């Protein structure tokens, strides 16, 4: 369709691949058909704004971050997004320091269970 569509499609596919989700899984999660997602990823169409919003929301980005095509197709995080993740990890680390080893193990097990369930 256009270079813009191609690059946006590559970016969305790269993000989905990093999440280890099939096209069908990702399409179901964001509420669109697998065929529509395939067209977007191949650059054959440009996503509607509501679909961009759904995708951005699921991958914890702003739409502006998702369509920031200055980033490469591999979806490297912007400094703002990276700083937000670092702050979140710092806050979580501080929280964990207040917990017992048993509580930390339990939290770890729950987190792994939730994250593994998301990959299916």
PDB file of N, CA and C in Angstrom:
ATOM      1  N   UNK A   1       0.831  -1.189   0.000  1.00  0.00           N
ATOM      2  CA  UNK A   1       0.000   0.000   0.000  1.00  0.00           C
ATOM      3  C   UNK A   1       0.876   1.253   0.000  1.00  0.00           C
ATOM      4  N   UNK A   2       1.685   1.426   1.062  1.00  0.00           N
ATOM      5  CA  UNK A   2       2.616   2.549   1.117  1.00  0.00           C
ATOM      6  C   UNK A   2       3.740   2.197   2.077  1.00  0.00           C
ATOM      7  N   UNK A   3       4.800   2.975   2.014  1.00  0.00           N
ATOM      8  CA  UNK A   3       5.913   2.726   2.934  1.00  0.00           C
ATOM      9  C   UNK A   3       5.457   2.877   4.380  1.00  0.00           C
ATOM     10  N   UNK A   4       4.590   3.843   4.635  1.00  0.00           N
ATOM     11  CA  UNK A   4       4.067   4.059   5.981  1.00  0.00           C
ATOM     12  C   UNK A   4       3.313   2.824   6.478  1.00  0.00           C
ATOM     13  N   UNK A   5       2.438   2.286   5.646  1.00  0.00           N
ATOM     14  CA  UNK A   5       1.691   1.080   6.016  1.00  0.00           C
ATOM     15  C   UNK A   5       2.630  -0.094   6.243  1.00  0.00           C
ATOM     16  N   UNK A   6       3.635  -0.228   5.374  1.00  0.00           N
ATOM     17  CA  UNK A   6       4.607  -1.317   5.521  1.00  0.00           C
ATOM     18  C   UNK A   6       5.345  -1.225   6.850  1.00  0.00           C
ATOM     19  N   UNK A   7       5.824  -0.033   7.172  1.00  0.00           N
ATOM     20  CA  UNK A   7       6.610   0.137   8.405  1.00  0.00           C
ATOM     21  C   UNK A   7       5.749  -0.051   9.648  1.00  0.00           C
ATOM     22  N   UNK A   8       4.526   0.461   9.631  1.00  0.00           N
ATOM     23  CA  UNK A   8       3.634   0.283  10.772  1.00  0.00           C
ATOM     24  C   UNK A   8       3.285  -1.196  10.939  1.00  0.00           C
ATOM     25  N   UNK A   9       3.022  -1.868   9.840  1.00  0.00           N
ATOM     26  CA  UNK A   9       2.731  -3.302   9.900  1.00  0.00           C
ATOM     27  C   UNK A   9       3.899  -4.100  10.456  1.00  0.00           C
ATOM     28  N   UNK A  10       5.113  -3.771  10.011  1.00  0.00           N
ATOM     29  CA  UNK A  10       6.311  -4.447  10.532  1.00  0.00           C
ATOM     30  C   UNK A  10       6.452  -4.210  12.029  1.00  0.00           C
ATOM     31  N   UNK A  11       6.171  -2.994  12.449  1.00  0.00           N
ATOM     32  CA  UNK A  11       6.293  -2.653  13.872  1.00  0.00           C
ATOM     33  C   UNK A  11       5.295  -3.450  14.712  1.00  0.00           C
ATOM     34  N   UNK A  12       4.055  -3.516  14.263  1.00  0.00           N
ATOM     35  CA  UNK A  12       3.033  -4.266  15.000  1.00  0.00           C
ATOM     36  C   UNK A  12       3.392  -5.744  15.037  1.00  0.00           C
ATOM     37  N   UNK A  13       3.825  -6.295  13.915  1.00  0.00           N
ATOM     38  CA  UNK A  13       4.213  -7.710  13.881  1.00  0.00           C
ATOM     39  C   UNK A  13       5.393  -7.972  14.810  1.00  0.00           C
ATOM     40  N   UNK A  14       6.367  -7.087  14.814  1.00  0.00           N
ATOM     41  CA  UNK A  14       7.535  -7.246  15.675  1.00  0.00           C
ATOM     42  C   UNK A  14       7.140  -7.227  17.151  1.00  0.00           C
ATOM     43  N   UNK A  15       6.263  -6.311  17.511  1.00  0.00           N
ATOM     44  CA  UNK A  15       5.791  -6.236  18.898  1.00  0.00           C
ATOM     45  C   UNK A  15       5.058  -7.523  19.263  1.00  0.00           C
ATOM     46  N   UNK A  16       4.187  -7.995  18.369  1.00  0.00           N
ATOM     47  CA  UNK A  16       3.442  -9.242  18.624  1.00  0.00           C
ATOM     48  C   UNK A  16       4.404 -10.415  18.773  1.00  0.00           C
ATOM     49  N   UNK A  17       5.406 -10.488  17.904  1.00  0.00           N
ATOM     50  CA  UNK A  17       6.392 -11.569  17.980  1.00  0.00           C
ATOM     51  C   UNK A  17       7.148 -11.541  19.304  1.00  0.00           C
ATOM     52  N   UNK A  18       7.505 -10.346  19.766  1.00  0.00           N
ATOM     53  CA  UNK A  18       8.211 -10.231  21.048  1.00  0.00           C
ATOM     54  C   UNK A  18       7.353 -10.730  22.203  1.00  0.00           C
ATOM     55  N   UNK A  19       6.036 -10.654  22.040  1.00  0.00           N
ATOM     56  CA  UNK A  19       5.122 -11.114  23.081  1.00  0.00           C
ATOM     57  C   UNK A  19       4.842 -12.611  22.953  1.00  0.00           C
ATOM     58  N   UNK A  20       5.459 -13.238  21.958  1.00  0.00           N
ATOM     59  CA  UNK A  20       5.274 -14.672  21.703  1.00  0.00           C
ATOM     60  C   UNK A  20       3.810 -15.044  21.509  1.00  0.00           C
ATOM     61  N   UNK A  21       3.093 -14.216  20.768  1.00  0.00           N
ATOM     62  CA  UNK A  21       1.687 -14.482  20.488  1.00  0.00           C
ATOM     63  C   UNK A  21       1.510 -14.762  19.003  1.00  0.00           C
ATOM     64  N   UNK A  22       0.654 -15.728  18.709  1.00  0.00           N
ATOM     65  CA  UNK A  22       0.325 -15.982  17.309  1.00  0.00           C
ATOM     66  C   UNK A  22      -0.554 -14.837  16.808  1.00  0.00           C
ATOM     67  N   UNK A  23      -0.691 -14.754  15.510  1.00  0.00           N
ATOM     68  CA  UNK A  23      -1.547 -13.717  14.943  1.00  0.00           C
ATOM     69  C   UNK A  23      -2.982 -13.898  15.438  1.00  0.00           C
ATOM     70  N   UNK A  24      -3.448 -15.137  15.493  1.00  0.00           N
ATOM     71  CA  UNK A  24      -4.815 -15.401  15.959  1.00  0.00           C
ATOM     72  C   UNK A  24      -4.994 -14.983  17.419  1.00  0.00           C
ATOM     73  N   UNK A  25      -4.008 -15.300  18.258  1.00  0.00           N
ATOM     74  CA  UNK A  25      -4.091 -14.930  19.676  1.00  0.00           C
ATOM     75  C   UNK A  25      -4.136 -13.413  19.837  1.00  0.00           C
ATOM     76  N   UNK A  26      -3.222 -12.730  19.165  1.00  0.00           N
ATOM     77  CA  UNK A  26      -3.137 -11.276  19.295  1.00  0.00           C
ATOM     78  C   UNK A  26      -4.404 -10.615  18.758  1.00  0.00           C
ATOM     79  N   UNK A  27      -4.885 -11.091  17.615  1.00  0.00           N
ATOM     80  CA  UNK A  27      -6.105 -10.527  17.034  1.00  0.00           C
ATOM     81  C   UNK A  27      -7.280 -10.693  17.996  1.00  0.00           C
ATOM     82  N   UNK A  28      -7.396 -11.861  18.601  1.00  0.00           N
ATOM     83  CA  UNK A  28      -8.475 -12.093  19.557  1.00  0.00           C
ATOM     84  C   UNK A  28      -8.385 -11.184  20.762  1.00  0.00           C
ATOM     85  N   UNK A  29      -7.184 -10.986  21.250  1.00  0.00           N
ATOM     86  CA  UNK A  29      -6.973 -10.143  22.430  1.00  0.00           C
ATOM     87  C   UNK A  29      -7.362  -8.694  22.150  1.00  0.00           C
ATOM     88  N   UNK A  30      -6.980  -8.190  20.977  1.00  0.00           N
ATOM     89  CA  UNK A  30      -7.263  -6.783  20.675  1.00  0.00           C
ATOM     90  C   UNK A  30      -8.614  -6.591  19.989  1.00  0.00           C
ATOM     91  N   UNK A  31      -9.340  -7.682  19.769  1.00  0.00           N
ATOM     92  CA  UNK A  31     -10.700  -7.576  19.258  1.00  0.00           C
ATOM     93  C   UNK A  31     -10.822  -7.284  17.781  1.00  0.00           C
ATOM     94  N   UNK A  32      -9.970  -7.913  16.996  1.00  0.00           N
ATOM     95  CA  UNK A  32     -10.093  -7.762  15.555  1.00  0.00           C
ATOM     96  C   UNK A  32      -9.919  -9.135  14.914  1.00  0.00           C
ATOM     97  N   UNK A  33     -10.252  -9.254  13.653  1.00  0.00           N
ATOM     98  CA  UNK A  33     -10.120 -10.551  12.997  1.00  0.00           C
ATOM     99  C   UNK A  33      -8.652 -10.830  12.668  1.00  0.00           C
ATOM    100  N   UNK A  34      -8.336 -12.101  12.605  1.00  0.00           N
ATOM    101  CA  UNK A  34      -6.974 -12.510  12.244  1.00  0.00           C
ATOM    102  C   UNK A  34      -6.632 -12.023  10.831  1.00  0.00           C
ATOM    103  N   UNK A  35      -7.612 -12.082   9.933  1.00  0.00           N
ATOM    104  CA  UNK A  35      -7.379 -11.615   8.560  1.00  0.00           C
ATOM    105  C   UNK A  35      -7.053 -10.124   8.520  1.00  0.00           C
ATOM    106  N   UNK A  36      -7.799  -9.331   9.303  1.00  0.00           N
ATOM    107  CA  UNK A  36      -7.543  -7.882   9.335  1.00  0.00           C
ATOM    108  C   UNK A  36      -6.147  -7.601   9.878  1.00  0.00           C
ATOM    109  N   UNK A  37      -5.762  -8.314  10.943  1.00  0.00           N
ATOM    110  CA  UNK A  37      -4.425  -8.123  11.506  1.00  0.00           C
ATOM    111  C   UNK A  37      -3.358  -8.515  10.489  1.00  0.00           C
ATOM    112  N   UNK A  38      -3.589  -9.589   9.759  1.00  0.00           N
ATOM    113  CA  UNK A  38      -2.643 -10.007   8.728  1.00  0.00           C
ATOM    114  C   UNK A  38      -2.455  -8.947   7.653  1.00  0.00           C
ATOM    115  N   UNK A  39      -3.555  -8.345   7.215  1.00  0.00           N
ATOM    116  CA  UNK A  39      -3.472  -7.274   6.213  1.00  0.00           C
ATOM    117  C   UNK A  39      -2.657  -6.098   6.740  1.00  0.00           C
ATOM    118  N   UNK A  40      -2.870  -5.761   8.012  1.00  0.00           N
ATOM    119  CA  UNK A  40      -2.127  -4.649   8.619  1.00  0.00           C
ATOM    120  C   UNK A  40      -0.647  -4.993   8.705  1.00  0.00           C
ATOM    121  N   UNK A  41      -0.338  -6.188   9.203  1.00  0.00           N
ATOM    122  CA  UNK A  41       1.066  -6.576   9.375  1.00  0.00           C
ATOM    123  C   UNK A  41       1.820  -6.651   8.051  1.00  0.00           C
ATOM    124  N   UNK A  42       1.118  -7.002   6.990  1.00  0.00           N
ATOM    125  CA  UNK A  42       1.761  -7.073   5.672  1.00  0.00           C
ATOM    126  C   UNK A  42       1.788  -5.718   4.968  1.00  0.00           C
ATOM    127  N   UNK A  43       1.224  -4.700   5.599  1.00  0.00           N
ATOM    128  CA  UNK A  43       1.217  -3.366   5.003  1.00  0.00           C
ATOM    129  C   UNK A  43       0.218  -3.208   3.882  1.00  0.00           C
ATOM    130  N   UNK A  44      -0.744  -4.129   3.793  1.00  0.00           N
ATOM    131  CA  UNK A  44      -1.735  -4.068   2.724  1.00  0.00           C
ATOM    132  C   UNK A  44      -2.885  -3.125   3.050  1.00  0.00           C
ATOM    133  N   UNK A  45      -2.989  -2.737   4.320  1.00  0.00           N
ATOM    134  CA  UNK A  45      -3.986  -1.764   4.744  1.00  0.00           C
ATOM    135  C   UNK A  45      -3.455  -1.032   5.964  1.00  0.00           C
ATOM    136  N   UNK A  46      -4.039   0.100   6.235  1.00  0.00           N
ATOM    137  CA  UNK A  46      -3.673   0.874   7.418  1.00  0.00           C
ATOM    138  C   UNK A  46      -4.761   0.651   8.466  1.00  0.00           C
ATOM    139  N   UNK A  47      -4.385   0.400   9.711  1.00  0.00           N
ATOM    140  CA  UNK A  47      -5.401   0.127  10.731  1.00  0.00           C
ATOM    141  C   UNK A  47      -6.270   1.343  11.024  1.00  0.00           C
ATOM    142  N   UNK A  48      -7.522   1.074  11.361  1.00  0.00           N
ATOM    143  CA  UNK A  48      -8.418   2.138  11.805  1.00  0.00           C
ATOM    144  C   UNK A  48      -7.941   2.631  13.163  1.00  0.00           C
ATOM    145  N   UNK A  49      -8.287   3.850  13.499  1.00  0.00           N
ATOM    146  CA  UNK A  49      -7.842   4.455  14.754  1.00  0.00           C
ATOM    147  C   UNK A  49      -8.255   3.617  15.960  1.00  0.00           C
ATOM    148  N   UNK A  50      -9.483   3.107  15.963  1.00  0.00           N
ATOM    149  CA  UNK A  50      -9.916   2.306  17.114  1.00  0.00           C
ATOM    150  C   UNK A  50      -9.085   1.034  17.264  1.00  0.00           C
ATOM    151  N   UNK A  51      -8.638   0.449  16.160  1.00  0.00           N
ATOM    152  CA  UNK A  51      -7.766  -0.728  16.249  1.00  0.00           C
ATOM    153  C   UNK A  51      -6.377  -0.345  16.747  1.00  0.00           C
ATOM    154  N   UNK A  52      -5.870   0.800  16.301  1.00  0.00           N
ATOM    155  CA  UNK A  52      -4.585   1.282  16.827  1.00  0.00           C
ATOM    156  C   UNK A  52      -4.681   1.506  18.330  1.00  0.00           C
ATOM    157  N   UNK A  53      -5.807   2.056  18.785  1.00  0.00           N
ATOM    158  CA  UNK A  53      -5.996   2.292  20.217  1.00  0.00           C
ATOM    159  C   UNK A  53      -6.026   0.976  20.990  1.00  0.00           C
ATOM    160  N   UNK A  54      -6.698  -0.027  20.452  1.00  0.00           N
ATOM    161  CA  UNK A  54      -6.764  -1.333  21.119  1.00  0.00           C
ATOM    162  C   UNK A  54      -5.377  -1.969  21.205  1.00  0.00           C
ATOM    163  N   UNK A  55      -4.641  -1.920  20.109  1.00  0.00           N
ATOM    164  CA  UNK A  55      -3.295  -2.504  20.086  1.00  0.00           C
ATOM    165  C   UNK A  55      -2.390  -1.764  21.062  1.00  0.00           C
ATOM    166  N   UNK A  56      -2.398  -0.447  20.994  1.00  0.00           N
ATOM    167  CA  UNK A  56      -1.542   0.358  21.877  1.00  0.00           C
ATOM    168  C   UNK A  56      -1.877   0.100  23.338  1.00  0.00           C
ATOM    169  N   UNK A  57      -3.144   0.021  23.650  1.00  0.00           N
ATOM    170  CA  UNK A  57      -3.561  -0.219  25.034  1.00  0.00           C
ATOM    171  C   UNK A  57      -3.050  -1.570  25.524  1.00  0.00           C
ATOM    172  N   UNK A  58      -3.182  -2.598  24.699  1.00  0.00           N
ATOM    173  CA  UNK A  58      -2.755  -3.933  25.119  1.00  0.00           C
ATOM    174  C   UNK A  58      -1.247  -4.008  25.340  1.00  0.00           C
ATOM    175  N   UNK A  59      -0.478  -3.324  24.523  1.00  0.00           N
ATOM    176  CA  UNK A  59       0.986  -3.392  24.655  1.00  0.00           C
ATOM    177  C   UNK A  59       1.530  -2.275  25.540  1.00  0.00           C
ATOM    178  N   UNK A  60       0.631  -1.599  26.258  1.00  0.00           N
ATOM    179  CA  UNK A  60       0.993  -0.560  27.225  1.00  0.00           C
ATOM    180  C   UNK A  60       1.785   0.570  26.579  1.00  0.00           C
ATOM    181  N   UNK A  61       1.241   1.076  25.485  1.00  0.00           N
ATOM    182  CA  UNK A  61       1.840   2.212  24.786  1.00  0.00           C
ATOM    183  C   UNK A  61       0.751   3.230  24.503  1.00  0.00           C
ATOM    184  N   UNK A  62       1.166   4.436  24.241  1.00  0.00           N
ATOM    185  CA  UNK A  62       0.267   5.440  23.679  1.00  0.00           C
ATOM    186  C   UNK A  62       0.237   5.199  22.171  1.00  0.00           C
ATOM    187  N   UNK A  63      -0.855   5.583  21.524  1.00  0.00           N
ATOM    188  CA  UNK A  63      -0.931   5.437  20.068  1.00  0.00           C
ATOM    189  C   UNK A  63       0.240   6.161  19.413  1.00  0.00           C
ATOM    190  N   UNK A  64       0.592   7.320  19.946  1.00  0.00           N
ATOM    191  CA  UNK A  64       1.706   8.079  19.366  1.00  0.00           C
ATOM    192  C   UNK A  64       3.019   7.297  19.437  1.00  0.00           C
ATOM    193  N   UNK A  65       3.210   6.517  20.507  1.00  0.00           N
ATOM    194  CA  UNK A  65       4.417   5.690  20.609  1.00  0.00           C
ATOM    195  C   UNK A  65       4.371   4.557  19.594  1.00  0.00           C
ATOM    196  N   UNK A  66       3.191   3.970  19.435  1.00  0.00           N
ATOM    197  CA  UNK A  66       3.037   2.852  18.511  1.00  0.00           C
ATOM    198  C   UNK A  66       3.332   3.280  17.080  1.00  0.00           C
ATOM    199  N   UNK A  67       2.879   4.454  16.706  1.00  0.00           N
ATOM    200  CA  UNK A  67       3.075   4.881  15.317  1.00  0.00           C
ATOM    201  C   UNK A  67       4.327   5.722  15.131  1.00  0.00           C
ATOM    202  N   UNK A  68       5.153   5.832  16.173  1.00  0.00           N
ATOM    203  CA  UNK A  68       6.417   6.570  16.053  1.00  0.00           C
ATOM    204  C   UNK A  68       7.355   5.748  15.186  1.00  0.00           C
ATOM    205  N   UNK A  69       7.334   6.025  13.907  1.00  0.00           N
ATOM    206  CA  UNK A  69       8.082   5.207  12.957  1.00  0.00           C
ATOM    207  C   UNK A  69       9.543   5.592  12.868  1.00  0.00           C
ATOM    208  N   UNK A  70       9.969   6.533  13.705  1.00  0.00           N
ATOM    209  CA  UNK A  70      11.401   6.824  13.779  1.00  0.00           C
ATOM    210  C   UNK A  70      12.119   5.670  14.449  1.00  0.00           C
ATOM    211  N   UNK A  71      11.369   4.907  15.250  1.00  0.00           N
ATOM    212  CA  UNK A  71      11.937   3.707  15.858  1.00  0.00           C
ATOM    213  C   UNK A  71      12.033   2.654  14.765  1.00  0.00           C
ATOM    214  N   UNK A  72      12.908   1.704  14.975  1.00  0.00           N
ATOM    215  CA  UNK A  72      13.000   0.669  13.954  1.00  0.00           C
ATOM    216  C   UNK A  72      11.867  -0.334  14.114  1.00  0.00           C
ATOM    217  N   UNK A  73      11.696  -1.176  13.131  1.00  0.00           N
ATOM    218  CA  UNK A  73      10.591  -2.128  13.130  1.00  0.00           C
ATOM    219  C   UNK A  73      10.660  -3.106  14.285  1.00  0.00           C
ATOM    220  N   UNK A  74      11.822  -3.275  14.890  1.00  0.00           N
ATOM    221  CA  UNK A  74      11.932  -4.222  16.003  1.00  0.00           C
ATOM    222  C   UNK A  74      11.249  -3.702  17.251  1.00  0.00           C
ATOM    223  N   UNK A  75      10.749  -2.467  17.214  1.00  0.00           N
ATOM    224  CA  UNK A  75       9.979  -1.956  18.330  1.00  0.00           C
ATOM    225  C   UNK A  75      10.807  -1.527  19.517  1.00  0.00           C
ATOM    226  N   UNK A  76      12.034  -1.093  19.280  1.00  0.00           N
ATOM    227  CA  UNK A  76      12.852  -0.631  20.396  1.00  0.00           C
ATOM    228  C   UNK A  76      12.114   0.441  21.165  1.00  0.00           C
ATOM    229  N   UNK A  77      12.163   0.343  22.462  1.00  0.00           N
ATOM    230  CA  UNK A  77      11.422   1.259  23.318  1.00  0.00           C
ATOM    231  C   UNK A  77      12.006   2.661  23.252  1.00  0.00           C
ATOM    232  N   UNK A  78      11.111   3.626  23.353  1.00  0.00           N
ATOM    233  CA  UNK A  78      11.556   5.010  23.432  1.00  0.00           C
ATOM    234  C   UNK A  78      12.144   5.250  24.814  1.00  0.00           C
ATOM    235  N   UNK A  79      12.984   6.279  24.964  1.00  0.00           N
ATOM    236  CA  UNK A  79      13.522   6.575  26.295  1.00  0.00           C
ATOM    237  C   UNK A  79      12.423   6.800  27.324  1.00  0.00           C
ATOM    238  N   UNK A  80      11.328   7.458  26.925  1.00  0.00           N
ATOM    239  CA  UNK A  80      10.216   7.702  27.843  1.00  0.00           C
ATOM    240  C   UNK A  80       9.627   6.384  28.330  1.00  0.00           C
ATOM    241  N   UNK A  81       9.381   5.460  27.409  1.00  0.00           N
ATOM    242  CA  UNK A  81       8.812   4.164  27.768  1.00  0.00           C
ATOM    243  C   UNK A  81       9.795   3.379  28.629  1.00  0.00           C
ATOM    244  N   UNK A  82      11.073   3.424  28.292  1.00  0.00           N
ATOM    245  CA  UNK A  82      12.094   2.729  29.071  1.00  0.00           C
ATOM    246  C   UNK A  82      12.176   3.311  30.472  1.00  0.00           C
ATOM    247  N   UNK A  83      12.155   4.633  30.588  1.00  0.00           N
ATOM    248  CA  UNK A  83      12.201   5.270  31.906  1.00  0.00           C
ATOM    249  C   UNK A  83      11.001   4.885  32.753  1.00  0.00           C
ATOM    250  N   UNK A  84       9.830   4.790  32.132  1.00  0.00           N
ATOM    251  CA  UNK A  84       8.622   4.387  32.857  1.00  0.00           C
ATOM    252  C   UNK A  84       8.772   2.957  33.375  1.00  0.00           C
ATOM    253  N   UNK A  85       9.342   2.079  32.550  1.00  0.00           N
ATOM    254  CA  UNK A  85       9.539   0.696  32.982  1.00  0.00           C
ATOM    255  C   UNK A  85      10.563   0.615  34.107  1.00  0.00           C
ATOM    256  N   UNK A  86      11.630   1.396  34.012  1.00  0.00           N
ATOM    257  CA  UNK A  86      12.649   1.400  35.066  1.00  0.00           C
ATOM    258  C   UNK A  86      12.041   1.886  36.375  1.00  0.00           C
ATOM    259  N   UNK A  87      11.234   2.938  36.310  1.00  0.00           N
ATOM    260  CA  UNK A  87      10.590   3.457  37.520  1.00  0.00           C
ATOM    261  C   UNK A  87       9.661   2.403  38.116  1.00  0.00           C
ATOM    262  N   UNK A  88       8.910   1.718  37.276  1.00  0.00           N
ATOM    263  CA  UNK A  88       8.019   0.664  37.754  1.00  0.00           C
ATOM    264  C   UNK A  88       8.816  -0.440  38.430  1.00  0.00           C
ATOM    265  N   UNK A  89       9.912  -0.852  37.813  1.00  0.00           N
ATOM    266  CA  UNK A  89      10.749  -1.897  38.415  1.00  0.00           C
ATOM    267  C   UNK A  89      11.371  -1.433  39.723  1.00  0.00           C
ATOM    268  N   UNK A  90      11.810  -0.190  39.780  1.00  0.00           N
ATOM    269  CA  UNK A  90      12.369   0.350  41.027  1.00  0.00           C
ATOM    270  C   UNK A  90      11.329   0.344  42.141  1.00  0.00           C
ATOM    271  N   UNK A  91      10.110   0.766  41.816  1.00  0.00           N
ATOM    272  CA  UNK A  91       9.036   0.763  42.813  1.00  0.00           C
ATOM    273  C   UNK A  91       8.718  -0.656  43.271  1.00  0.00           C
ATOM    274  N   UNK A  92       8.696  -1.581  42.329  1.00  0.00           N
ATOM    275  CA  UNK A  92       8.398  -2.970  42.668  1.00  0.00           C
ATOM    276  C   UNK A  92       9.517  -3.569  43.523  1.00  0.00           C
ATOM    277  N   UNK A  93      10.752  -3.260  43.197  1.00  0.00           N
ATOM    278  CA  UNK A  93      11.890  -3.741  43.988  1.00  0.00           C
ATOM    279  C   UNK A  93      11.808  -3.211  45.414  1.00  0.00           C
ATOM    280  N   UNK A  94      11.469  -1.943  45.565  1.00  0.00           N
ATOM    281  CA  UNK A  94      11.315  -1.368  46.910  1.00  0.00           C
ATOM    282  C   UNK A  94      10.200  -2.077  47.666  1.00  0.00           C
ATOM    283  N   UNK A  95       9.130  -2.389  46.981  1.00  0.00           N
ATOM    284  CA  UNK A  95       8.015  -3.113  47.595  1.00  0.00           C
ATOM    285  C   UNK A  95       8.465  -4.504  48.052  1.00  0.00           C
ATOM    286  N   UNK A  96       9.202  -5.191  47.195  1.00  0.00           N
ATOM    287  CA  UNK A  96       9.653  -6.547  47.538  1.00  0.00           C
ATOM    288  C   UNK A  96      10.572  -6.562  48.752  1.00  0.00           C
ATOM    289  N   UNK A  97      11.324  -5.496  48.949  1.00  0.00           N
ATOM    290  CA  UNK A  97      12.234  -5.433  50.099  1.00  0.00           C
ATOM    291  C   UNK A  97      11.484  -5.459  51.424  1.00  0.00           C
ATOM    292  N   UNK A  98      10.194  -5.155  51.389  1.00  0.00           N
ATOM    293  CA  UNK A  98       9.395  -5.160  52.619  1.00  0.00           C
ATOM    294  C   UNK A  98       8.741  -6.517  52.869  1.00  0.00           C
ATOM    295  N   UNK A  99       8.958  -7.476  51.982  1.00  0.00           N
ATOM    296  CA  UNK A  99       8.284  -8.772  52.069  1.00  0.00           C
ATOM    297  C   UNK A  99       9.249  -9.872  52.489  1.00  0.00           C
ATOM    298  N   UNK A 100       8.663 -10.920  53.039  1.00  0.00           N
ATOM    299  CA  UNK A 100       9.461 -12.072  53.469  1.00  0.00           C
ATOM    300  C   UNK A 100       9.845 -12.910  52.253  1.00  0.00           C
ATOM    301  N   UNK A 101      10.870 -13.763  52.387  1.00  0.00           N
ATOM    302  CA  UNK A 101      11.242 -14.641  51.270  1.00  0.00           C
ATOM    303  C   UNK A 101      10.068 -15.512  50.803  1.00  0.00           C
ATOM    304  N   UNK A 102       9.253 -15.976  51.733  1.00  0.00           N
ATOM    305  CA  UNK A 102       8.100 -16.805  51.362  1.00  0.00           C
ATOM    306  C   UNK A 102       7.089 -15.992  50.542  1.00  0.00           C
ATOM    307  N   UNK A 103       6.835 -14.766  50.941  1.00  0.00           N
ATOM    308  CA  UNK A 103       5.909 -13.915  50.188  1.00  0.00           C
ATOM    309  C   UNK A 103       6.452 -13.623  48.792  1.00  0.00           C
ATOM    310  N   UNK A 104       7.739 -13.427  48.690  1.00  0.00           N
ATOM    311  CA  UNK A 104       8.356 -13.165  47.384  1.00  0.00           C
ATOM    312  C   UNK A 104       8.234 -14.390  46.489  1.00  0.00           C
ATOM    313  N   UNK A 105       8.467 -15.582  47.040  1.00  0.00           N
ATOM    314  CA  UNK A 105       8.315 -16.817  46.251  1.00  0.00           C
ATOM    315  C   UNK A 105       6.875 -16.970  45.767  1.00  0.00           C
ATOM    316  N   UNK A 106       5.917 -16.693  46.654  1.00  0.00           N
ATOM    317  CA  UNK A 106       4.505 -16.808  46.270  1.00  0.00           C
ATOM    318  C   UNK A 106       4.164 -15.815  45.156  1.00  0.00           C
ATOM    319  N   UNK A 107       4.627 -14.594  45.293  1.00  0.00           N
ATOM    320  CA  UNK A 107       4.383 -13.575  44.279  1.00  0.00           C
ATOM    321  C   UNK A 107       5.015 -13.979  42.943  1.00  0.00           C
ATOM    322  N   UNK A 108       6.213 -14.520  43.007  1.00  0.00           N
ATOM    323  CA  UNK A 108       6.895 -15.008  41.805  1.00  0.00           C
ATOM    324  C   UNK A 108       6.056 -16.077  41.118  1.00  0.00           C
ATOM    325  N   UNK A 109       5.578 -17.050  41.891  1.00  0.00           N
ATOM    326  CA  UNK A 109       4.781 -18.139  41.321  1.00  0.00           C
ATOM    327  C   UNK A 109       3.500 -17.619  40.666  1.00  0.00           C
ATOM    328  N   UNK A 110       2.843 -16.672  41.317  1.00  0.00           N
ATOM    329  CA  UNK A 110       1.620 -16.091  40.760  1.00  0.00           C
ATOM    330  C   UNK A 110       1.933 -15.341  39.460  1.00  0.00           C
ATOM    331  N   UNK A 111       2.993 -14.551  39.470  1.00  0.00           N
ATOM    332  CA  UNK A 111       3.363 -13.784  38.272  1.00  0.00           C
ATOM    333  C   UNK A 111       3.671 -14.712  37.101  1.00  0.00           C
ATOM    334  N   UNK A 112       4.435 -15.758  37.356  1.00  0.00           N
ATOM    335  CA  UNK A 112       4.767 -16.710  36.286  1.00  0.00           C
ATOM    336  C   UNK A 112       3.503 -17.364  35.753  1.00  0.00           C
ATOM    337  N   UNK A 113       2.605 -17.739  36.641  1.00  0.00           N
ATOM    338  CA  UNK A 113       1.351 -18.360  36.227  1.00  0.00           C
ATOM    339  C   UNK A 113       0.544 -17.427  35.329  1.00  0.00           C
ATOM    340  N   UNK A 114       0.447 -16.174  35.707  1.00  0.00           N
ATOM    341  CA  UNK A 114      -0.308 -15.196  34.916  1.00  0.00           C
ATOM    342  C   UNK A 114       0.362 -14.959  33.567  1.00  0.00           C
ATOM    343  N   UNK A 115       1.670 -14.766  33.566  1.00  0.00           N
ATOM    344  CA  UNK A 115       2.376 -14.479  32.317  1.00  0.00           C
ATOM    345  C   UNK A 115       2.356 -15.672  31.373  1.00  0.00           C
ATOM    346  N   UNK A 116       2.478 -16.879  31.907  1.00  0.00           N
ATOM    347  CA  UNK A 116       2.408 -18.066  31.056  1.00  0.00           C
ATOM    348  C   UNK A 116       1.018 -18.220  30.454  1.00  0.00           C
ATOM    349  N   UNK A 117      -0.010 -17.859  31.208  1.00  0.00           N
ATOM    350  CA  UNK A 117      -1.377 -17.945  30.715  1.00  0.00           C
ATOM    351  C   UNK A 117      -1.592 -16.965  29.564  1.00  0.00           C
ATOM    352  N   UNK A 118      -0.971 -15.786  29.629  1.00  0.00           N
ATOM    353  CA  UNK A 118      -1.097 -14.781  28.566  1.00  0.00           C
ATOM    354  C   UNK A 118      -0.495 -15.274  27.261  1.00  0.00           C
ATOM    355  N   UNK A 119       0.531 -16.088  27.336  1.00  0.00           N
ATOM    356  CA  UNK A 119       1.231 -16.560  26.124  1.00  0.00           C
ATOM    357  C   UNK A 119       0.425 -17.598  25.369  1.00  0.00           C
ATOM    358  N   UNK A 120      -0.500 -18.243  26.028  1.00  0.00           N
ATOM    359  CA  UNK A 120      -1.273 -19.312  25.373  1.00  0.00           C
ATOM    360  C   UNK A 120      -2.293 -18.780  24.438  1.00  0.00           C
TER     361      UNK A 120
END
